Amino acid sequence: MCQRNPTCIGTCAPLNVAALRSALPNIFAATQDVEEALPFGLLGFDCDNGSEFLNWALVKHFQQRPKPVKFTRSRPYHKDDNAHVEQKNWMWPRQLLGYGRLENPLLVGPITALYKEAWGPLQNFFLPSMKLKKKYRRNSRMIRRHYPAQTAYQRLLQSGHLTDQEERRLQDWFESLDPFDLAEEVERRLERILRPKIQSGELLPTSQLTE
């Protein structure tokens, strides 16, 4: 099983998905699911140099449409080109699911649903994050300045890029959510997903991990 961390650069919002393996059909379907879940139209798509992304099927998917999506890739052997994505590896798959291998193909659906229906809304609507404003070097020190902490939802509303209909739909979604209910739902789903590893003694129950 592999994890993909699509991340919106403007809002710092990740939209994770799980796939059975890094094969073209799985990644193509996961990419379509992510695009459909976005509350706005996609303008650009940047990826690493894996063949699951650099292929004609995905290029045609983004280019052969009334409003083509700009398709770019990172430089070979420059992992820091994808820093916005790599920094999310801790917050999403590692912090949530740990470092153990999850090889059961039946878990792909539950993990993707966990991201989409509980963990994602909790992170993007209610948990603020810092966004880098600028950085500069002062003698031997690198100085970083950040914007005030905001949620991805707040950044998106303030961006001015949403239509009135998109903004209303996003606000209705926000008003329908309760962060405490989402947190409890995350714990319930995690227990079901990780139960085999908990029973084998590889992991502690999530209730003990949070105490």
C-alpha atoms as a PDB file:
ATOM      1  CA  MET A   1       0.000   0.000   0.000  1.00  0.00           C
ATOM      2  CA  CYS A   2       1.229   3.519  -0.779  1.00  0.00           C
ATOM      3  CA  GLN A   3       0.174   6.961   0.400  1.00  0.00           C
ATOM      4  CA  ARG A   4      -0.111  10.065  -1.771  1.00  0.00           C
ATOM      5  CA  ASN A   5      -0.068  13.569  -0.263  1.00  0.00           C
ATOM      6  CA  PRO A   6      -1.492  16.086  -2.748  1.00  0.00           C
ATOM      7  CA  THR A   7      -1.009  19.524  -1.186  1.00  0.00           C
ATOM      8  CA  CYS A   8      -2.459  22.901  -2.149  1.00  0.00           C
ATOM      9  CA  ILE A   9       0.395  25.419  -2.038  1.00  0.00           C
ATOM     10  CA  GLY A  10      -1.855  28.445  -1.509  1.00  0.00           C
ATOM     11  CA  THR A  11      -3.804  27.098   1.472  1.00  0.00           C
ATOM     12  CA  CYS A  12      -1.332  24.466   2.791  1.00  0.00           C
ATOM     13  CA  ALA A  13      -4.209  21.968   2.667  1.00  0.00           C
ATOM     14  CA  PRO A  14      -3.230  18.327   2.103  1.00  0.00           C
ATOM     15  CA  LEU A  15      -5.753  15.904   0.579  1.00  0.00           C
ATOM     16  CA  ASN A  16      -4.322  12.454   1.187  1.00  0.00           C
ATOM     17  CA  VAL A  17      -5.369   9.235  -0.498  1.00  0.00           C
ATOM     18  CA  ALA A  18      -4.259   5.631  -0.147  1.00  0.00           C
ATOM     19  CA  ALA A  19      -3.603   3.360  -3.123  1.00  0.00           C
ATOM     20  CA  LEU A  20      -2.927  -0.355  -3.351  1.00  0.00           C
ATOM     21  CA  ARG A  21       0.437   0.264  -5.011  1.00  0.00           C
ATOM     22  CA  SER A  22       2.202   2.888  -7.121  1.00  0.00           C
ATOM     23  CA  ALA A  23       0.777   1.636 -10.399  1.00  0.00           C
ATOM     24  CA  LEU A  24      -0.708   3.880 -13.072  1.00  0.00           C
ATOM     25  CA  PRO A  25      -4.383   2.773 -12.764  1.00  0.00           C
ATOM     26  CA  ASN A  26      -4.363   3.240  -8.976  1.00  0.00           C
ATOM     27  CA  ILE A  27      -2.625   6.617  -9.040  1.00  0.00           C
ATOM     28  CA  PHE A  28      -4.785   7.838 -11.930  1.00  0.00           C
ATOM     29  CA  ALA A  29      -7.979   6.944 -10.044  1.00  0.00           C
ATOM     30  CA  ALA A  30      -6.653   8.520  -6.827  1.00  0.00           C
ATOM     31  CA  THR A  31      -5.758  11.725  -8.712  1.00  0.00           C
ATOM     32  CA  GLN A  32      -9.279  11.935 -10.121  1.00  0.00           C
ATOM     33  CA  ASP A  33     -10.772  11.438  -6.639  1.00  0.00           C
ATOM     34  CA  VAL A  34      -8.644  14.269  -5.237  1.00  0.00           C
ATOM     35  CA  GLU A  35      -9.592  16.649  -8.042  1.00  0.00           C
ATOM     36  CA  GLU A  36     -13.297  15.904  -7.584  1.00  0.00           C
ATOM     37  CA  ALA A  37     -13.008  16.634  -3.854  1.00  0.00           C
ATOM     38  CA  LEU A  38     -11.468  20.077  -4.373  1.00  0.00           C
ATOM     39  CA  PRO A  39     -13.820  23.025  -3.690  1.00  0.00           C
ATOM     40  CA  PHE A  40     -12.229  24.921  -6.605  1.00  0.00           C
ATOM     41  CA  GLY A  41     -10.936  24.289 -10.114  1.00  0.00           C
ATOM     42  CA  LEU A  42      -7.421  22.914 -10.540  1.00  0.00           C
ATOM     43  CA  LEU A  43      -4.927  25.340 -12.130  1.00  0.00           C
ATOM     44  CA  GLY A  44      -1.665  23.414 -11.895  1.00  0.00           C
ATOM     45  CA  PHE A  45      -0.321  19.968 -11.058  1.00  0.00           C
ATOM     46  CA  ASP A  46       3.289  19.434  -9.960  1.00  0.00           C
ATOM     47  CA  CYS A  47       4.695  15.972  -9.240  1.00  0.00           C
ATOM     48  CA  ASP A  48       7.915  14.070  -8.681  1.00  0.00           C
ATOM     49  CA  ASN A  49       9.646  11.992 -11.354  1.00  0.00           C
ATOM     50  CA  GLY A  50       7.973   8.636 -10.753  1.00  0.00           C
ATOM     51  CA  SER A  51       6.536   6.867 -13.796  1.00  0.00           C
ATOM     52  CA  GLU A  52       3.178   6.647 -11.997  1.00  0.00           C
ATOM     53  CA  PHE A  53       2.916  10.417 -12.595  1.00  0.00           C
ATOM     54  CA  LEU A  54       5.032  11.042 -15.706  1.00  0.00           C
ATOM     55  CA  ASN A  55       2.926   9.213 -18.267  1.00  0.00           C
ATOM     56  CA  TRP A  56       0.760  10.120 -21.230  1.00  0.00           C
ATOM     57  CA  ALA A  57      -2.482   9.066 -19.537  1.00  0.00           C
ATOM     58  CA  LEU A  58      -2.092  11.684 -16.801  1.00  0.00           C
ATOM     59  CA  VAL A  59      -0.751  14.309 -19.206  1.00  0.00           C
ATOM     60  CA  LYS A  60      -3.774  13.871 -21.475  1.00  0.00           C
ATOM     61  CA  HIS A  61      -6.101  13.940 -18.458  1.00  0.00           C
ATOM     62  CA  PHE A  62      -4.858  17.414 -17.521  1.00  0.00           C
ATOM     63  CA  GLN A  63      -4.141  18.856 -20.972  1.00  0.00           C
ATOM     64  CA  GLN A  64      -7.058  17.651 -23.096  1.00  0.00           C
ATOM     65  CA  ARG A  65      -9.835  19.676 -21.481  1.00  0.00           C
ATOM     66  CA  PRO A  66     -11.451  23.084 -22.164  1.00  0.00           C
ATOM     67  CA  LYS A  67      -9.201  24.719 -19.542  1.00  0.00           C
ATOM     68  CA  PRO A  68      -5.910  22.783 -19.558  1.00  0.00           C
ATOM     69  CA  VAL A  69      -4.144  22.291 -16.231  1.00  0.00           C
ATOM     70  CA  LYS A  70      -0.470  23.285 -16.150  1.00  0.00           C
ATOM     71  CA  PHE A  71       1.574  20.099 -15.649  1.00  0.00           C
ATOM     72  CA  THR A  72       5.081  20.442 -14.169  1.00  0.00           C
ATOM     73  CA  ARG A  73       7.554  18.158 -12.406  1.00  0.00           C
ATOM     74  CA  SER A  74      10.399  18.523  -9.944  1.00  0.00           C
ATOM     75  CA  ARG A  75      14.039  18.298 -10.941  1.00  0.00           C
ATOM     76  CA  PRO A  76      15.583  14.811 -10.850  1.00  0.00           C
ATOM     77  CA  TYR A  77      17.356  14.028  -7.553  1.00  0.00           C
ATOM     78  CA  HIS A  78      16.071  17.239  -5.912  1.00  0.00           C
ATOM     79  CA  LYS A  79      13.726  15.967  -3.210  1.00  0.00           C
ATOM     80  CA  ASP A  80      13.539  19.452  -1.697  1.00  0.00           C
ATOM     81  CA  ASP A  81      11.562  20.574  -4.771  1.00  0.00           C
ATOM     82  CA  ASN A  82       8.632  18.759  -3.170  1.00  0.00           C
ATOM     83  CA  ALA A  83       9.142  20.222   0.305  1.00  0.00           C
ATOM     84  CA  HIS A  84       5.506  21.301   0.616  1.00  0.00           C
ATOM     85  CA  VAL A  85       4.486  17.671   0.187  1.00  0.00           C
ATOM     86  CA  GLU A  86       7.309  15.983   2.075  1.00  0.00           C
ATOM     87  CA  GLN A  87       6.649  18.035   5.213  1.00  0.00           C
ATOM     88  CA  LYS A  88       3.120  16.601   5.332  1.00  0.00           C
ATOM     89  CA  ASN A  89       4.375  13.012   5.601  1.00  0.00           C
ATOM     90  CA  TRP A  90       4.567  13.365   9.384  1.00  0.00           C
ATOM     91  CA  MET A  91       1.261  15.150   9.953  1.00  0.00           C
ATOM     92  CA  TRP A  92      -0.799  12.792   7.812  1.00  0.00           C
ATOM     93  CA  PRO A  93       0.318   9.198   7.285  1.00  0.00           C
ATOM     94  CA  ARG A  94       3.007   8.953  10.009  1.00  0.00           C
ATOM     95  CA  GLN A  95       1.307  10.771  12.879  1.00  0.00           C
ATOM     96  CA  LEU A  96      -1.999   9.084  12.109  1.00  0.00           C
ATOM     97  CA  LEU A  97      -1.023   5.551  11.068  1.00  0.00           C
ATOM     98  CA  GLY A  98       2.527   5.196  12.377  1.00  0.00           C
ATOM     99  CA  TYR A  99       5.584   3.764  10.637  1.00  0.00           C
ATOM    100  CA  GLY A 100       4.450   0.143  10.409  1.00  0.00           C
ATOM    101  CA  ARG A 101       3.616  -1.459   7.078  1.00  0.00           C
ATOM    102  CA  LEU A 102      -0.086  -1.822   6.267  1.00  0.00           C
ATOM    103  CA  GLU A 103      -0.184  -4.442   3.524  1.00  0.00           C
ATOM    104  CA  ASN A 104      -3.814  -5.573   3.598  1.00  0.00           C
ATOM    105  CA  PRO A 105      -5.448  -4.357   0.331  1.00  0.00           C
ATOM    106  CA  LEU A 106      -8.812  -4.251   2.105  1.00  0.00           C
ATOM    107  CA  LEU A 107      -7.548  -1.267   4.150  1.00  0.00           C
ATOM    108  CA  VAL A 108      -7.199   1.039   1.122  1.00  0.00           C
ATOM    109  CA  GLY A 109     -10.883   2.010   1.211  1.00  0.00           C
ATOM    110  CA  PRO A 110     -11.136   2.571   4.990  1.00  0.00           C
ATOM    111  CA  ILE A 111      -7.913   4.626   5.089  1.00  0.00           C
ATOM    112  CA  THR A 112      -8.999   6.816   2.166  1.00  0.00           C
ATOM    113  CA  ALA A 113     -12.418   7.294   3.814  1.00  0.00           C
ATOM    114  CA  LEU A 114     -10.686   8.212   7.089  1.00  0.00           C
ATOM    115  CA  TYR A 115      -8.684  10.914   5.297  1.00  0.00           C
ATOM    116  CA  LYS A 116     -11.640  12.247   3.328  1.00  0.00           C
ATOM    117  CA  GLU A 117     -14.433  12.105   5.914  1.00  0.00           C
ATOM    118  CA  ALA A 118     -12.743  12.696   9.290  1.00  0.00           C
ATOM    119  CA  TRP A 119      -9.019  13.497   9.427  1.00  0.00           C
ATOM    120  CA  GLY A 120      -9.021  15.842   6.424  1.00  0.00           C
ATOM    121  CA  PRO A 121     -11.973  17.998   7.550  1.00  0.00           C
ATOM    122  CA  LEU A 122     -10.573  18.138  11.091  1.00  0.00           C
ATOM    123  CA  GLN A 123      -7.167  19.341   9.886  1.00  0.00           C
ATOM    124  CA  ASN A 124      -8.278  21.694   7.113  1.00  0.00           C
ATOM    125  CA  PHE A 125     -11.252  23.329   8.850  1.00  0.00           C
ATOM    126  CA  PHE A 126     -10.247  23.507  12.513  1.00  0.00           C
ATOM    127  CA  LEU A 127      -6.481  23.160  13.053  1.00  0.00           C
ATOM    128  CA  PRO A 128      -4.465  26.265  12.071  1.00  0.00           C
ATOM    129  CA  SER A 129      -0.974  26.035  10.640  1.00  0.00           C
ATOM    130  CA  MET A 130       1.849  28.468   9.912  1.00  0.00           C
ATOM    131  CA  LYS A 131       2.673  29.518   6.365  1.00  0.00           C
ATOM    132  CA  LEU A 132       6.071  30.885   5.443  1.00  0.00           C
ATOM    133  CA  LYS A 133       6.002  34.541   4.369  1.00  0.00           C
ATOM    134  CA  LYS A 134       9.700  35.071   3.662  1.00  0.00           C
ATOM    135  CA  LYS A 135      13.129  33.914   4.714  1.00  0.00           C
ATOM    136  CA  TYR A 136      16.525  35.527   4.520  1.00  0.00           C
ATOM    137  CA  ARG A 137      20.041  34.951   5.739  1.00  0.00           C
ATOM    138  CA  ARG A 138      21.566  37.135   8.441  1.00  0.00           C
ATOM    139  CA  ASN A 139      25.228  36.276   8.836  1.00  0.00           C
ATOM    140  CA  SER A 140      25.217  32.541   9.592  1.00  0.00           C
ATOM    141  CA  ARG A 141      21.537  32.388  10.570  1.00  0.00           C
ATOM    142  CA  MET A 142      18.505  31.746   8.369  1.00  0.00           C
ATOM    143  CA  ILE A 143      15.640  33.998   9.506  1.00  0.00           C
ATOM    144  CA  ARG A 144      12.067  32.924   8.772  1.00  0.00           C
ATOM    145  CA  ARG A 145       8.951  35.053   9.017  1.00  0.00           C
ATOM    146  CA  HIS A 146       5.460  33.564   8.904  1.00  0.00           C
ATOM    147  CA  TYR A 147       1.926  34.778   8.301  1.00  0.00           C
ATOM    148  CA  PRO A 148      -0.462  34.586  11.286  1.00  0.00           C
ATOM    149  CA  ALA A 149      -1.634  31.023  11.902  1.00  0.00           C
ATOM    150  CA  GLN A 150      -4.787  30.153   9.948  1.00  0.00           C
ATOM    151  CA  THR A 151      -6.683  27.092   8.869  1.00  0.00           C
ATOM    152  CA  ALA A 152      -6.731  26.066   5.234  1.00  0.00           C
ATOM    153  CA  TYR A 153     -10.423  26.970   5.217  1.00  0.00           C
ATOM    154  CA  GLN A 154      -9.690  30.541   6.321  1.00  0.00           C
ATOM    155  CA  ARG A 155      -6.933  30.970   3.731  1.00  0.00           C
ATOM    156  CA  LEU A 156      -9.213  29.724   0.993  1.00  0.00           C
ATOM    157  CA  LEU A 157     -12.049  32.112   1.910  1.00  0.00           C
ATOM    158  CA  GLN A 158      -9.618  35.052   1.996  1.00  0.00           C
ATOM    159  CA  SER A 159      -7.953  34.136  -1.299  1.00  0.00           C
ATOM    160  CA  GLY A 160     -10.639  35.792  -3.437  1.00  0.00           C
ATOM    161  CA  HIS A 161     -10.470  32.956  -5.989  1.00  0.00           C
ATOM    162  CA  LEU A 162     -13.760  31.266  -5.115  1.00  0.00           C
ATOM    163  CA  THR A 163     -17.036  31.954  -6.849  1.00  0.00           C
ATOM    164  CA  ASP A 164     -20.030  32.873  -4.683  1.00  0.00           C
ATOM    165  CA  GLN A 165     -21.429  29.374  -5.169  1.00  0.00           C
ATOM    166  CA  GLU A 166     -18.135  27.693  -4.200  1.00  0.00           C
ATOM    167  CA  GLU A 167     -17.826  29.940  -1.144  1.00  0.00           C
ATOM    168  CA  ARG A 168     -21.379  29.162   0.025  1.00  0.00           C
ATOM    169  CA  ARG A 169     -20.831  25.432  -0.458  1.00  0.00           C
ATOM    170  CA  LEU A 170     -17.626  25.584   1.575  1.00  0.00           C
ATOM    171  CA  GLN A 171     -19.287  27.589   4.369  1.00  0.00           C
ATOM    172  CA  ASP A 172     -22.216  25.153   4.509  1.00  0.00           C
ATOM    173  CA  TRP A 173     -19.728  22.276   4.805  1.00  0.00           C
ATOM    174  CA  PHE A 174     -17.899  24.046   7.638  1.00  0.00           C
ATOM    175  CA  GLU A 175     -21.114  24.771   9.549  1.00  0.00           C
ATOM    176  CA  SER A 176     -22.151  21.114   9.326  1.00  0.00           C
ATOM    177  CA  LEU A 177     -18.976  19.930  11.108  1.00  0.00           C
ATOM    178  CA  ASP A 178     -18.157  19.551  14.797  1.00  0.00           C
ATOM    179  CA  PRO A 179     -14.441  19.214  15.648  1.00  0.00           C
ATOM    180  CA  PHE A 180     -15.125  17.052  18.711  1.00  0.00           C
ATOM    181  CA  ASP A 181     -17.274  14.651  16.694  1.00  0.00           C
ATOM    182  CA  LEU A 182     -14.563  14.497  14.019  1.00  0.00           C
ATOM    183  CA  ALA A 183     -11.861  13.725  16.587  1.00  0.00           C
ATOM    184  CA  GLU A 184     -13.966  10.908  18.057  1.00  0.00           C
ATOM    185  CA  GLU A 185     -14.657   9.567  14.566  1.00  0.00           C
ATOM    186  CA  VAL A 186     -10.927   9.530  13.810  1.00  0.00           C
ATOM    187  CA  GLU A 187     -10.284   7.430  16.936  1.00  0.00           C
ATOM    188  CA  ARG A 188     -13.093   4.976  16.106  1.00  0.00           C
ATOM    189  CA  ARG A 189     -11.883   4.434  12.567  1.00  0.00           C
ATOM    190  CA  LEU A 190      -8.248   4.138  13.610  1.00  0.00           C
ATOM    191  CA  GLU A 191      -9.112   1.373  16.076  1.00  0.00           C
ATOM    192  CA  ARG A 192     -10.744  -0.632  13.266  1.00  0.00           C
ATOM    193  CA  ILE A 193      -7.892  -0.023  10.802  1.00  0.00           C
ATOM    194  CA  LEU A 194      -5.082  -0.771  13.253  1.00  0.00           C
ATOM    195  CA  ARG A 195      -6.811  -3.554  15.236  1.00  0.00           C
ATOM    196  CA  PRO A 196      -4.746  -6.416  13.708  1.00  0.00           C
ATOM    197  CA  LYS A 197      -1.482  -4.711  14.670  1.00  0.00           C
ATOM    198  CA  ILE A 198      -2.816  -3.829  18.125  1.00  0.00           C
ATOM    199  CA  GLN A 199      -3.829  -7.449  18.724  1.00  0.00           C
ATOM    200  CA  SER A 200      -0.416  -8.683  17.585  1.00  0.00           C
ATOM    201  CA  GLY A 201       1.278  -6.319  20.044  1.00  0.00           C
ATOM    202  CA  GLU A 202       2.995  -4.209  17.352  1.00  0.00           C
ATOM    203  CA  LEU A 203       1.033  -1.095  18.375  1.00  0.00           C
ATOM    204  CA  LEU A 204      -0.620   0.278  21.485  1.00  0.00           C
ATOM    205  CA  PRO A 205      -4.343   1.142  21.322  1.00  0.00           C
ATOM    206  CA  THR A 206      -4.908   4.737  20.213  1.00  0.00           C
ATOM    207  CA  SER A 207      -6.568   5.483  23.553  1.00  0.00           C
ATOM    208  CA  GLN A 208      -3.265   4.699  25.293  1.00  0.00           C
ATOM    209  CA  LEU A 209      -1.209   6.613  22.734  1.00  0.00           C
ATOM    210  CA  THR A 210      -3.110   9.830  23.484  1.00  0.00           C
ATOM    211  CA  GLU A 211      -3.003   9.592  27.290  1.00  0.00           C
END
